[in-house]
Each structure stands twice: as structure tokens, then as C-alpha cells.
Amino acid sequence: MTENSQDALEYINHMASTRGYVLDYHKVMAKQDFPVLQAANGLVSAAYLDQRTLDRKTKELIFIVSLTVMRASKGHIQSHIRVALDLGLTPREILEAIEIALPEAGVVAFQTGFDAWREVVEADGIEPTVKAHEGGSGA
């Protein structure tokens, strides 16, 4: 392992321990363009990870809602849901945050976050007892 790859490994390990997750693009960037990963992570640290006025729980909820509104990948939203749960937020608190997307971004954006949440917390529903077509996860 070269010195640069050792530095990148230490950096990605540090990212994992401070964030509670790493995304696939973090791993690839650590190997392929380490300086850009460091620059991007510096911005994330300043805005999200560094302790300032907002606590980490609040920041996680904001992240979950913003990712939902932006229709980020399910895996990305789920990584923040898992961190929020690790921080002590309840599934209901996270759901209520995701529901904020409804009036601002609509049901389609909401469903992106809702589906991510439902899978992570293994939420189930109530099945109708009358004949109905299966609607998937739509409205």
C-alpha cells in the first residue's frame, strides 16, 4: 500500500466513524481523486458535522428531509435514517420530518423518503379486507 493510499484509507475510516456511514462515491473518490474528496468533505464537515448551533439530531432530520425533497437515492436517505436512529431519534420523529416534504415537494417526493424509512424501520401497514387493486407505493 502506498503512502497516499494509506492516507486515503485512514481518511475514509475517519469519515465512517464521524459520519456513521460512507457512500460508495466516497470510497471510490478516496482511491481515484483523494484531494477532491477531502475538499468536498471539508464543506460537509463545516455545514453538517462540526458542532455549531444546531445539534446533530436536528441536522440529521434536515438532511433526511432535504434528501427526500431532492429525490436522492433510497440508499443515501437510508444512511441518514440509520444515523438518526443511532442518535436516538424515534421512527415516528423521522417519519414526521419526512412528512414535511408533502406540502412543499408533493407526494412523489414524499414517497421516496417514506419508502426509504419504511424499509429501515420495517414498518408495515393495514391490508384492506375488500377487493382492491394493488397500487404499489403510489398515492
C-alpha atoms as a PDB file:
ATOM      1  CA  MET A   1       0.000   0.000   0.000  1.00  0.00           C
ATOM      2  CA  THR A   2       1.439   3.385  -0.972  1.00  0.00           C
ATOM      3  CA  GLU A   3       1.655   6.287   1.464  1.00  0.00           C
ATOM      4  CA  ASN A   4      -1.142   8.094  -0.399  1.00  0.00           C
ATOM      5  CA  SER A   5      -3.421   5.045  -0.333  1.00  0.00           C
ATOM      6  CA  GLN A   6      -2.711   4.593   3.383  1.00  0.00           C
ATOM      7  CA  ASP A   7      -3.663   8.252   3.953  1.00  0.00           C
ATOM      8  CA  ALA A   8      -6.844   7.726   1.941  1.00  0.00           C
ATOM      9  CA  LEU A   9      -7.729   4.618   3.957  1.00  0.00           C
ATOM     10  CA  GLU A  10      -7.206   6.457   7.231  1.00  0.00           C
ATOM     11  CA  TYR A  11      -9.315   9.334   5.904  1.00  0.00           C
ATOM     12  CA  ILE A  12     -12.210   7.104   4.781  1.00  0.00           C
ATOM     13  CA  ASN A  13     -12.112   5.317   8.147  1.00  0.00           C
ATOM     14  CA  HIS A  14     -12.287   8.699   9.883  1.00  0.00           C
ATOM     15  CA  MET A  15     -15.229   9.694   7.662  1.00  0.00           C
ATOM     16  CA  ALA A  16     -17.032   6.467   8.575  1.00  0.00           C
ATOM     17  CA  SER A  17     -16.514   6.970  12.299  1.00  0.00           C
ATOM     18  CA  THR A  18     -17.525  10.665  12.353  1.00  0.00           C
ATOM     19  CA  ARG A  19     -20.476  10.382   9.957  1.00  0.00           C
ATOM     20  CA  GLY A  20     -21.665   6.918  10.917  1.00  0.00           C
ATOM     21  CA  TYR A  21     -21.749   5.938   7.225  1.00  0.00           C
ATOM     22  CA  VAL A  22     -19.832   6.291   3.963  1.00  0.00           C
ATOM     23  CA  LEU A  23     -21.339   6.257   0.495  1.00  0.00           C
ATOM     24  CA  ASP A  24     -19.986   4.338  -2.478  1.00  0.00           C
ATOM     25  CA  TYR A  25     -18.796   7.531  -4.124  1.00  0.00           C
ATOM     26  CA  HIS A  26     -16.754   8.377  -1.012  1.00  0.00           C
ATOM     27  CA  LYS A  27     -14.921   5.066  -1.296  1.00  0.00           C
ATOM     28  CA  VAL A  28     -14.193   5.450  -4.996  1.00  0.00           C
ATOM     29  CA  MET A  29     -13.152   9.097  -4.655  1.00  0.00           C
ATOM     30  CA  ALA A  30     -10.781   8.162  -1.817  1.00  0.00           C
ATOM     31  CA  LYS A  31      -8.907   5.970  -4.279  1.00  0.00           C
ATOM     32  CA  GLN A  32      -9.403   7.879  -7.528  1.00  0.00           C
ATOM     33  CA  ASP A  33      -9.257  11.573  -6.528  1.00  0.00           C
ATOM     34  CA  PHE A  34      -8.410  11.870  -2.866  1.00  0.00           C
ATOM     35  CA  PRO A  35      -7.821  15.684  -2.860  1.00  0.00           C
ATOM     36  CA  VAL A  36     -11.321  16.368  -4.244  1.00  0.00           C
ATOM     37  CA  LEU A  37     -12.870  14.032  -1.660  1.00  0.00           C
ATOM     38  CA  GLN A  38     -11.036  15.938   1.058  1.00  0.00           C
ATOM     39  CA  ALA A  39     -12.268  19.271  -0.311  1.00  0.00           C
ATOM     40  CA  ALA A  40     -15.880  18.090  -0.579  1.00  0.00           C
ATOM     41  CA  ASN A  41     -15.764  16.538   2.869  1.00  0.00           C
ATOM     42  CA  GLY A  42     -14.418  19.800   4.282  1.00  0.00           C
ATOM     43  CA  LEU A  43     -17.607  21.562   3.201  1.00  0.00           C
ATOM     44  CA  VAL A  44     -19.757  18.770   4.640  1.00  0.00           C
ATOM     45  CA  SER A  45     -17.832  18.960   7.909  1.00  0.00           C
ATOM     46  CA  ALA A  46     -18.293  22.717   8.195  1.00  0.00           C
ATOM     47  CA  ALA A  47     -22.012  22.649   7.414  1.00  0.00           C
ATOM     48  CA  TYR A  48     -23.063  19.319   8.922  1.00  0.00           C
ATOM     49  CA  LEU A  49     -20.567  17.509  11.135  1.00  0.00           C
ATOM     50  CA  ASP A  50     -18.921  20.316  13.109  1.00  0.00           C
ATOM     51  CA  GLN A  51     -20.807  21.256  16.276  1.00  0.00           C
ATOM     52  CA  ARG A  52     -22.271  24.715  15.878  1.00  0.00           C
ATOM     53  CA  THR A  53     -25.702  25.966  16.924  1.00  0.00           C
ATOM     54  CA  LEU A  54     -27.850  23.077  15.679  1.00  0.00           C
ATOM     55  CA  ASP A  55     -27.403  19.697  17.315  1.00  0.00           C
ATOM     56  CA  ARG A  56     -26.662  16.554  15.296  1.00  0.00           C
ATOM     57  CA  LYS A  57     -30.203  15.167  15.642  1.00  0.00           C
ATOM     58  CA  THR A  58     -31.697  18.310  14.127  1.00  0.00           C
ATOM     59  CA  LYS A  59     -29.144  18.258  11.320  1.00  0.00           C
ATOM     60  CA  GLU A  60     -29.977  14.625  10.542  1.00  0.00           C
ATOM     61  CA  LEU A  61     -33.680  15.438  10.261  1.00  0.00           C
ATOM     62  CA  ILE A  62     -32.906  18.364   7.963  1.00  0.00           C
ATOM     63  CA  PHE A  63     -30.659  16.130   5.863  1.00  0.00           C
ATOM     64  CA  ILE A  64     -33.354  13.441   5.599  1.00  0.00           C
ATOM     65  CA  VAL A  65     -35.982  15.961   4.507  1.00  0.00           C
ATOM     66  CA  SER A  66     -33.694  17.704   2.026  1.00  0.00           C
ATOM     67  CA  LEU A  67     -32.617  14.398   0.501  1.00  0.00           C
ATOM     68  CA  THR A  68     -36.281  13.373   0.277  1.00  0.00           C
ATOM     69  CA  VAL A  69     -37.246  16.613  -1.471  1.00  0.00           C
ATOM     70  CA  MET A  70     -34.302  16.227  -3.866  1.00  0.00           C
ATOM     71  CA  ARG A  71     -35.358  12.602  -4.504  1.00  0.00           C
ATOM     72  CA  ALA A  72     -31.936  11.298  -3.608  1.00  0.00           C
ATOM     73  CA  SER A  73     -31.251   7.597  -3.890  1.00  0.00           C
ATOM     74  CA  LYS A  74     -33.007   5.384  -1.366  1.00  0.00           C
ATOM     75  CA  GLY A  75     -29.647   4.187  -0.024  1.00  0.00           C
ATOM     76  CA  HIS A  76     -28.457   7.735   0.637  1.00  0.00           C
ATOM     77  CA  ILE A  77     -31.645   8.617   2.515  1.00  0.00           C
ATOM     78  CA  GLN A  78     -31.463   5.343   4.434  1.00  0.00           C
ATOM     79  CA  SER A  79     -27.899   6.042   5.565  1.00  0.00           C
ATOM     80  CA  HIS A  80     -29.122   9.220   7.274  1.00  0.00           C
ATOM     81  CA  ILE A  81     -32.189   7.477   8.708  1.00  0.00           C
ATOM     82  CA  ARG A  82     -29.912   4.869  10.289  1.00  0.00           C
ATOM     83  CA  VAL A  83     -27.658   7.568  11.758  1.00  0.00           C
ATOM     84  CA  ALA A  84     -30.741   9.380  13.105  1.00  0.00           C
ATOM     85  CA  LEU A  85     -31.899   6.172  14.781  1.00  0.00           C
ATOM     86  CA  ASP A  86     -28.397   5.647  16.194  1.00  0.00           C
ATOM     87  CA  LEU A  87     -28.566   9.170  17.636  1.00  0.00           C
ATOM     88  CA  GLY A  88     -31.769   8.288  19.478  1.00  0.00           C
ATOM     89  CA  LEU A  89     -34.431   9.718  17.194  1.00  0.00           C
ATOM     90  CA  THR A  90     -37.555   7.588  17.037  1.00  0.00           C
ATOM     91  CA  PRO A  91     -39.034   6.172  13.847  1.00  0.00           C
ATOM     92  CA  ARG A  92     -42.065   8.421  14.417  1.00  0.00           C
ATOM     93  CA  GLU A  93     -39.915  11.573  14.705  1.00  0.00           C
ATOM     94  CA  ILE A  94     -38.168  10.685  11.445  1.00  0.00           C
ATOM     95  CA  LEU A  95     -41.485   9.987   9.721  1.00  0.00           C
ATOM     96  CA  GLU A  96     -42.872  13.340  10.862  1.00  0.00           C
ATOM     97  CA  ALA A  97     -39.821  15.067   9.396  1.00  0.00           C
ATOM     98  CA  ILE A  98     -40.262  13.228   6.085  1.00  0.00           C
ATOM     99  CA  GLU A  99     -43.936  14.250   6.054  1.00  0.00           C
ATOM    100  CA  ILE A 100     -42.834  17.890   5.846  1.00  0.00           C
ATOM    101  CA  ALA A 101     -41.932  17.118   2.220  1.00  0.00           C
ATOM    102  CA  LEU A 102     -45.621  16.600   1.370  1.00  0.00           C
ATOM    103  CA  PRO A 103     -46.795  20.237   1.212  1.00  0.00           C
ATOM    104  CA  GLU A 104     -43.529  21.558  -0.206  1.00  0.00           C
ATOM    105  CA  ALA A 105     -42.487  18.903  -2.731  1.00  0.00           C
ATOM    106  CA  GLY A 106     -45.552  16.720  -3.201  1.00  0.00           C
ATOM    107  CA  VAL A 107     -46.470  13.103  -2.756  1.00  0.00           C
ATOM    108  CA  VAL A 108     -43.988  11.717  -5.288  1.00  0.00           C
ATOM    109  CA  ALA A 109     -41.004  13.230  -3.463  1.00  0.00           C
ATOM    110  CA  PHE A 110     -42.510  12.222  -0.099  1.00  0.00           C
ATOM    111  CA  GLN A 111     -42.788   8.606  -1.261  1.00  0.00           C
ATOM    112  CA  THR A 112     -39.058   8.481  -1.938  1.00  0.00           C
ATOM    113  CA  GLY A 113     -38.275   9.270   1.690  1.00  0.00           C
ATOM    114  CA  PHE A 114     -41.194   7.257   3.012  1.00  0.00           C
ATOM    115  CA  ASP A 115     -40.111   4.106   1.171  1.00  0.00           C
ATOM    116  CA  ALA A 116     -36.568   4.518   2.494  1.00  0.00           C
ATOM    117  CA  TRP A 117     -37.918   4.980   6.038  1.00  0.00           C
ATOM    118  CA  ARG A 118     -40.382   2.062   5.765  1.00  0.00           C
ATOM    119  CA  GLU A 119     -37.613  -0.356   4.781  1.00  0.00           C
ATOM    120  CA  VAL A 120     -35.196   0.764   7.507  1.00  0.00           C
ATOM    121  CA  VAL A 121     -37.716   0.633  10.360  1.00  0.00           C
ATOM    122  CA  GLU A 122     -39.581  -2.364   8.873  1.00  0.00           C
ATOM    123  CA  ALA A 123     -42.951  -0.580   9.126  1.00  0.00           C
ATOM    124  CA  ASP A 124     -45.975  -2.492   7.951  1.00  0.00           C
ATOM    125  CA  GLY A 125     -49.483  -1.399   7.090  1.00  0.00           C
ATOM    126  CA  ILE A 126     -53.097  -2.492   7.215  1.00  0.00           C
ATOM    127  CA  GLU A 127     -54.378  -4.609   4.357  1.00  0.00           C
ATOM    128  CA  PRO A 128     -57.925  -3.895   3.169  1.00  0.00           C
ATOM    129  CA  THR A 129     -60.452  -6.653   3.563  1.00  0.00           C
ATOM    130  CA  VAL A 130     -62.307  -5.616   0.405  1.00  0.00           C
ATOM    131  CA  LYS A 131     -61.199  -6.301  -3.145  1.00  0.00           C
ATOM    132  CA  ALA A 132     -58.779  -3.643  -4.397  1.00  0.00           C
ATOM    133  CA  HIS A 133     -56.049  -3.422  -6.992  1.00  0.00           C
ATOM    134  CA  GLU A 134     -52.507  -3.322  -5.642  1.00  0.00           C
ATOM    135  CA  GLY A 135     -51.204   0.214  -6.033  1.00  0.00           C
ATOM    136  CA  GLY A 136     -47.548  -0.355  -5.183  1.00  0.00           C
ATOM    137  CA  SER A 137     -46.101   2.568  -3.292  1.00  0.00           C
ATOM    138  CA  GLY A 138     -48.066   5.197  -5.232  1.00  0.00           C
ATOM    139  CA  ALA A 139     -50.683   7.648  -3.971  1.00  0.00           C
END
